[in-house]
Amino acid sequence: MADWVPTNHKADEKEAARNRKKLMKIIKLPQNAICADCPIKLAQNAWASINLGQFICFQCSGIHRNLGTHITKVRSLNLDSWNDDWVANMERWGNHRSAQYWEARIPPGVRRPTVEDSNQQNHVLKTFIKDKYQDRCWAAPERPAEWIQTNGGGSGAPPAQAAPARAPAPAASPA
């Protein structure tokens, strides 16, 4: 699989229209029907983290934005014009595959956010998202090969952006 180089080129009208149709198909796939971070069922007015390759609900998108663009880059499926690279990354990853990486080592006792937590954007939801992406508490120890840096700065992150790699790794617990 080729490395994904993040681009910020603005999609022209034709590219944006084509990509909006693709996104609507991708989000309807069963593995993308629920928010990547909470149990909210996604509508077609959902949001996404273009570098993490995940679809998220409105509530979680606000928390993602607060983490900073060095960790997650949030875009609206409807309000933003999507370029081909962003859509290809969503096709490549999606919620299921991304969760296999970010939640690879999640212990059985971790409290996952509920719908109520999401609706209230409470401490449980914020802590879960921060632990998952910023602190990388449950991420797989090995980064997927296609996250190798190709853009000349930083240290390569979900799909090729450096941010999550810069976040401190969880401290090893004393034995």
C-alpha atoms as a PDB file:
ATOM      1  CA  MET A   1       0.000   0.000   0.000  1.00  0.00           C
ATOM      2  CA  ALA A   2       1.399   3.400  -0.915  1.00  0.00           C
ATOM      3  CA  ASP A   3       2.039   6.007   1.749  1.00  0.00           C
ATOM      4  CA  TRP A   4      -0.663   8.618   2.125  1.00  0.00           C
ATOM      5  CA  VAL A   5       0.679  12.118   1.805  1.00  0.00           C
ATOM      6  CA  PRO A   6      -1.730  14.617   3.326  1.00  0.00           C
ATOM      7  CA  THR A   7      -2.778  17.334   0.962  1.00  0.00           C
ATOM      8  CA  ASN A   8      -4.641  20.487   1.644  1.00  0.00           C
ATOM      9  CA  HIS A   9      -5.481  21.361  -1.926  1.00  0.00           C
ATOM     10  CA  LYS A  10      -8.924  22.777  -2.262  1.00  0.00           C
ATOM     11  CA  ALA A  11     -11.242  20.558  -4.245  1.00  0.00           C
ATOM     12  CA  ASP A  12     -12.882  22.162  -7.250  1.00  0.00           C
ATOM     13  CA  GLU A  13     -16.665  21.896  -7.560  1.00  0.00           C
ATOM     14  CA  LYS A  14     -16.570  18.750  -9.679  1.00  0.00           C
ATOM     15  CA  GLU A  15     -14.134  16.963  -7.358  1.00  0.00           C
ATOM     16  CA  ALA A  16     -16.099  18.036  -4.264  1.00  0.00           C
ATOM     17  CA  ALA A  17     -19.430  16.833  -5.717  1.00  0.00           C
ATOM     18  CA  ARG A  18     -17.947  13.487  -6.739  1.00  0.00           C
ATOM     19  CA  ASN A  19     -16.393  13.067  -3.309  1.00  0.00           C
ATOM     20  CA  ARG A  20     -19.579  13.978  -1.459  1.00  0.00           C
ATOM     21  CA  LYS A  21     -21.293  11.062  -3.229  1.00  0.00           C
ATOM     22  CA  LYS A  22     -18.417   8.728  -2.329  1.00  0.00           C
ATOM     23  CA  LEU A  23     -18.524   9.820   1.308  1.00  0.00           C
ATOM     24  CA  MET A  24     -22.252   9.156   1.531  1.00  0.00           C
ATOM     25  CA  LYS A  25     -21.613   5.599   0.312  1.00  0.00           C
ATOM     26  CA  ILE A  26     -18.698   5.050   2.694  1.00  0.00           C
ATOM     27  CA  ILE A  27     -20.584   6.273   5.759  1.00  0.00           C
ATOM     28  CA  LYS A  28     -23.469   3.902   4.975  1.00  0.00           C
ATOM     29  CA  LEU A  29     -21.179   0.881   5.322  1.00  0.00           C
ATOM     30  CA  PRO A  30     -21.990  -1.031   8.523  1.00  0.00           C
ATOM     31  CA  GLN A  31     -18.470  -0.545   9.896  1.00  0.00           C
ATOM     32  CA  ASN A  32     -18.877   3.245   9.639  1.00  0.00           C
ATOM     33  CA  ALA A  33     -22.493   3.625  10.791  1.00  0.00           C
ATOM     34  CA  ILE A  34     -21.611   4.373  14.426  1.00  0.00           C
ATOM     35  CA  CYS A  35     -19.311   7.126  15.692  1.00  0.00           C
ATOM     36  CA  ALA A  36     -15.706   5.964  16.169  1.00  0.00           C
ATOM     37  CA  ASP A  37     -15.734   7.196  19.782  1.00  0.00           C
ATOM     38  CA  CYS A  38     -19.264   6.829  21.134  1.00  0.00           C
ATOM     39  CA  PRO A  39     -22.392   4.780  20.357  1.00  0.00           C
ATOM     40  CA  ILE A  40     -24.183   7.549  18.435  1.00  0.00           C
ATOM     41  CA  LYS A  41     -25.573   6.382  15.085  1.00  0.00           C
ATOM     42  CA  LEU A  42     -24.162   8.611  12.378  1.00  0.00           C
ATOM     43  CA  ALA A  43     -26.339  10.584  10.027  1.00  0.00           C
ATOM     44  CA  GLN A  44     -25.284  11.888   6.660  1.00  0.00           C
ATOM     45  CA  ASN A  45     -24.412  15.193   8.315  1.00  0.00           C
ATOM     46  CA  ALA A  46     -21.605  13.527  10.260  1.00  0.00           C
ATOM     47  CA  TRP A  47     -18.047  14.668  10.708  1.00  0.00           C
ATOM     48  CA  ALA A  48     -14.732  12.941  10.169  1.00  0.00           C
ATOM     49  CA  SER A  49     -11.109  13.057  11.176  1.00  0.00           C
ATOM     50  CA  ILE A  50      -9.384  13.094   7.807  1.00  0.00           C
ATOM     51  CA  ASN A  51      -5.994  12.052   9.147  1.00  0.00           C
ATOM     52  CA  LEU A  52      -7.320   9.317  11.457  1.00  0.00           C
ATOM     53  CA  GLY A  53      -9.655   8.050   8.739  1.00  0.00           C
ATOM     54  CA  GLN A  54     -12.656   7.946  11.083  1.00  0.00           C
ATOM     55  CA  PHE A  55     -16.248   9.072  10.994  1.00  0.00           C
ATOM     56  CA  ILE A  56     -17.406  10.821  14.162  1.00  0.00           C
ATOM     57  CA  CYS A  57     -20.567  12.457  15.467  1.00  0.00           C
ATOM     58  CA  PHE A  58     -21.046  16.184  16.012  1.00  0.00           C
ATOM     59  CA  GLN A  59     -20.441  15.907  19.762  1.00  0.00           C
ATOM     60  CA  CYS A  60     -17.185  14.003  19.371  1.00  0.00           C
ATOM     61  CA  SER A  61     -16.037  16.325  16.578  1.00  0.00           C
ATOM     62  CA  GLY A  62     -15.910  19.210  19.050  1.00  0.00           C
ATOM     63  CA  ILE A  63     -13.722  17.232  21.421  1.00  0.00           C
ATOM     64  CA  HIS A  64     -11.472  16.175  18.536  1.00  0.00           C
ATOM     65  CA  ARG A  65     -11.080  19.823  17.536  1.00  0.00           C
ATOM     66  CA  ASN A  66     -10.033  20.687  21.080  1.00  0.00           C
ATOM     67  CA  LEU A  67      -7.220  18.115  20.902  1.00  0.00           C
ATOM     68  CA  GLY A  68      -5.633  20.207  18.168  1.00  0.00           C
ATOM     69  CA  THR A  69      -4.842  19.740  14.507  1.00  0.00           C
ATOM     70  CA  HIS A  70      -1.516  18.171  15.375  1.00  0.00           C
ATOM     71  CA  ILE A  71      -3.544  15.148  16.536  1.00  0.00           C
ATOM     72  CA  THR A  72      -6.774  15.142  14.525  1.00  0.00           C
ATOM     73  CA  LYS A  73      -8.041  17.158  11.568  1.00  0.00           C
ATOM     74  CA  VAL A  74     -11.828  17.416  11.632  1.00  0.00           C
ATOM     75  CA  ARG A  75     -13.988  18.094   8.590  1.00  0.00           C
ATOM     76  CA  SER A  76     -17.732  18.081   7.976  1.00  0.00           C
ATOM     77  CA  LEU A  77     -19.039  15.634   5.399  1.00  0.00           C
ATOM     78  CA  ASN A  78     -21.442  18.308   4.141  1.00  0.00           C
ATOM     79  CA  LEU A  79     -19.986  21.701   4.981  1.00  0.00           C
ATOM     80  CA  ASP A  80     -16.448  21.137   3.707  1.00  0.00           C
ATOM     81  CA  SER A  81     -15.209  20.438   0.187  1.00  0.00           C
ATOM     82  CA  TRP A  82     -13.390  17.124   0.237  1.00  0.00           C
ATOM     83  CA  ASN A  83     -10.425  16.425  -2.016  1.00  0.00           C
ATOM     84  CA  ASP A  84      -9.637  13.004  -3.476  1.00  0.00           C
ATOM     85  CA  ASP A  85      -6.835  12.272  -0.992  1.00  0.00           C
ATOM     86  CA  TRP A  86      -9.046  12.771   2.054  1.00  0.00           C
ATOM     87  CA  VAL A  87     -11.743  10.501   0.648  1.00  0.00           C
ATOM     88  CA  ALA A  88      -9.184   7.848  -0.290  1.00  0.00           C
ATOM     89  CA  ASN A  89      -7.930   7.899   3.295  1.00  0.00           C
ATOM     90  CA  MET A  90     -11.456   7.407   4.641  1.00  0.00           C
ATOM     91  CA  GLU A  91     -11.889   4.458   2.263  1.00  0.00           C
ATOM     92  CA  ARG A  92      -8.536   3.019   3.323  1.00  0.00           C
ATOM     93  CA  TRP A  93      -9.221   3.252   7.052  1.00  0.00           C
ATOM     94  CA  GLY A  94     -12.801   3.690   8.225  1.00  0.00           C
ATOM     95  CA  ASN A  95     -13.974   3.232  11.797  1.00  0.00           C
ATOM     96  CA  HIS A  96     -13.425  -0.511  12.106  1.00  0.00           C
ATOM     97  CA  ARG A  97      -9.827  -0.625  10.881  1.00  0.00           C
ATOM     98  CA  SER A  98      -8.900   2.511  12.762  1.00  0.00           C
ATOM     99  CA  ALA A  99     -10.329   1.066  15.990  1.00  0.00           C
ATOM    100  CA  GLN A 100      -8.184  -2.024  15.502  1.00  0.00           C
ATOM    101  CA  TYR A 101      -5.177   0.265  15.863  1.00  0.00           C
ATOM    102  CA  TRP A 102      -6.339   2.850  18.429  1.00  0.00           C
ATOM    103  CA  GLU A 103      -8.117   0.342  20.691  1.00  0.00           C
ATOM    104  CA  ALA A 104      -5.764  -2.631  20.233  1.00  0.00           C
ATOM    105  CA  ARG A 105      -4.817  -2.758  23.921  1.00  0.00           C
ATOM    106  CA  ILE A 106      -7.963  -1.431  25.593  1.00  0.00           C
ATOM    107  CA  PRO A 107      -8.571  -3.311  28.850  1.00  0.00           C
ATOM    108  CA  PRO A 108     -11.982  -4.927  29.381  1.00  0.00           C
ATOM    109  CA  GLY A 109     -12.784  -2.674  32.361  1.00  0.00           C
ATOM    110  CA  VAL A 110     -12.409   0.673  30.576  1.00  0.00           C
ATOM    111  CA  ARG A 111     -15.662   2.619  30.699  1.00  0.00           C
ATOM    112  CA  ARG A 112     -16.689   3.431  27.177  1.00  0.00           C
ATOM    113  CA  PRO A 113     -18.862   6.483  26.574  1.00  0.00           C
ATOM    114  CA  THR A 114     -22.624   6.005  26.441  1.00  0.00           C
ATOM    115  CA  VAL A 115     -25.142   7.914  24.337  1.00  0.00           C
ATOM    116  CA  GLU A 116     -25.891  10.027  27.412  1.00  0.00           C
ATOM    117  CA  ASP A 117     -22.188  10.824  27.836  1.00  0.00           C
ATOM    118  CA  SER A 118     -22.062  11.904  24.217  1.00  0.00           C
ATOM    119  CA  ASN A 119     -25.195  14.027  24.395  1.00  0.00           C
ATOM    120  CA  GLN A 120     -23.792  15.820  27.436  1.00  0.00           C
ATOM    121  CA  GLN A 121     -20.193  15.954  26.148  1.00  0.00           C
ATOM    122  CA  ASN A 122     -19.241  15.054  29.685  1.00  0.00           C
ATOM    123  CA  HIS A 123     -15.990  14.112  31.380  1.00  0.00           C
ATOM    124  CA  VAL A 124     -16.277  10.421  30.452  1.00  0.00           C
ATOM    125  CA  LEU A 125     -16.429  11.202  26.730  1.00  0.00           C
ATOM    126  CA  LYS A 126     -13.685  13.825  26.838  1.00  0.00           C
ATOM    127  CA  THR A 127     -11.385  11.596  28.869  1.00  0.00           C
ATOM    128  CA  PHE A 128     -11.980   8.603  26.594  1.00  0.00           C
ATOM    129  CA  ILE A 129     -11.111  10.589  23.454  1.00  0.00           C
ATOM    130  CA  LYS A 130      -8.072  12.229  25.075  1.00  0.00           C
ATOM    131  CA  ASP A 131      -6.807   8.879  26.357  1.00  0.00           C
ATOM    132  CA  LYS A 132      -7.384   7.240  22.989  1.00  0.00           C
ATOM    133  CA  TYR A 133      -5.674   9.746  20.687  1.00  0.00           C
ATOM    134  CA  GLN A 134      -3.603  12.255  22.630  1.00  0.00           C
ATOM    135  CA  ASP A 135      -2.198   9.885  25.251  1.00  0.00           C
ATOM    136  CA  ARG A 136      -2.329   6.806  22.988  1.00  0.00           C
ATOM    137  CA  CYS A 137      -3.252   4.648  25.988  1.00  0.00           C
ATOM    138  CA  TRP A 138      -4.556   1.714  23.967  1.00  0.00           C
ATOM    139  CA  ALA A 139      -2.870   2.097  20.581  1.00  0.00           C
ATOM    140  CA  ALA A 140      -1.145  -0.886  19.042  1.00  0.00           C
ATOM    141  CA  PRO A 141       2.591  -0.885  19.755  1.00  0.00           C
ATOM    142  CA  GLU A 142       3.482  -0.956  16.058  1.00  0.00           C
ATOM    143  CA  ARG A 143       2.313   1.734  13.660  1.00  0.00           C
ATOM    144  CA  PRO A 144       0.937   0.478  10.358  1.00  0.00           C
ATOM    145  CA  ALA A 145       3.523   0.613   7.578  1.00  0.00           C
ATOM    146  CA  GLU A 146       1.592   3.173   5.542  1.00  0.00           C
ATOM    147  CA  TRP A 147       1.960   5.713   8.341  1.00  0.00           C
ATOM    148  CA  ILE A 148       5.629   6.101   7.492  1.00  0.00           C
ATOM    149  CA  GLN A 149       6.565   9.731   7.149  1.00  0.00           C
ATOM    150  CA  THR A 150       6.540  10.972   3.589  1.00  0.00           C
ATOM    151  CA  ASN A 151       5.827  14.652   4.014  1.00  0.00           C
ATOM    152  CA  GLY A 152       9.216  15.933   5.162  1.00  0.00           C
ATOM    153  CA  GLY A 153       8.479  17.018   8.715  1.00  0.00           C
ATOM    154  CA  GLY A 154       7.299  15.582  11.975  1.00  0.00           C
ATOM    155  CA  SER A 155       7.083  11.884  12.561  1.00  0.00           C
ATOM    156  CA  GLY A 156       4.308  10.383  10.460  1.00  0.00           C
ATOM    157  CA  ALA A 157       0.894   9.680  11.962  1.00  0.00           C
ATOM    158  CA  PRO A 158      -2.394   8.190  11.033  1.00  0.00           C
ATOM    159  CA  PRO A 159      -2.223   8.003   7.685  1.00  0.00           C
ATOM    160  CA  ALA A 160       0.948   9.986   7.342  1.00  0.00           C
ATOM    161  CA  GLN A 161       0.463  12.871   9.690  1.00  0.00           C
ATOM    162  CA  ALA A 162       2.853  13.191  12.557  1.00  0.00           C
ATOM    163  CA  ALA A 163       0.628  14.337  15.367  1.00  0.00           C
ATOM    164  CA  PRO A 164      -0.343  11.233  17.274  1.00  0.00           C
ATOM    165  CA  ALA A 165       3.217   9.985  17.093  1.00  0.00           C
ATOM    166  CA  ARG A 166       4.341  13.132  18.943  1.00  0.00           C
ATOM    167  CA  ALA A 167       1.960  12.589  21.819  1.00  0.00           C
ATOM    168  CA  PRO A 168       3.735  10.914  24.715  1.00  0.00           C
ATOM    169  CA  ALA A 169       3.497   7.164  24.867  1.00  0.00           C
ATOM    170  CA  PRO A 170       1.735   5.864  27.962  1.00  0.00           C
ATOM    171  CA  ALA A 171       4.123   5.277  30.826  1.00  0.00           C
ATOM    172  CA  ALA A 172       4.922   1.665  31.530  1.00  0.00           C
ATOM    173  CA  SER A 173       3.379   0.502  34.759  1.00  0.00           C
ATOM    174  CA  PRO A 174       5.886  -0.560  37.413  1.00  0.00           C
ATOM    175  CA  ALA A 175       6.286  -4.305  37.653  1.00  0.00           C
END
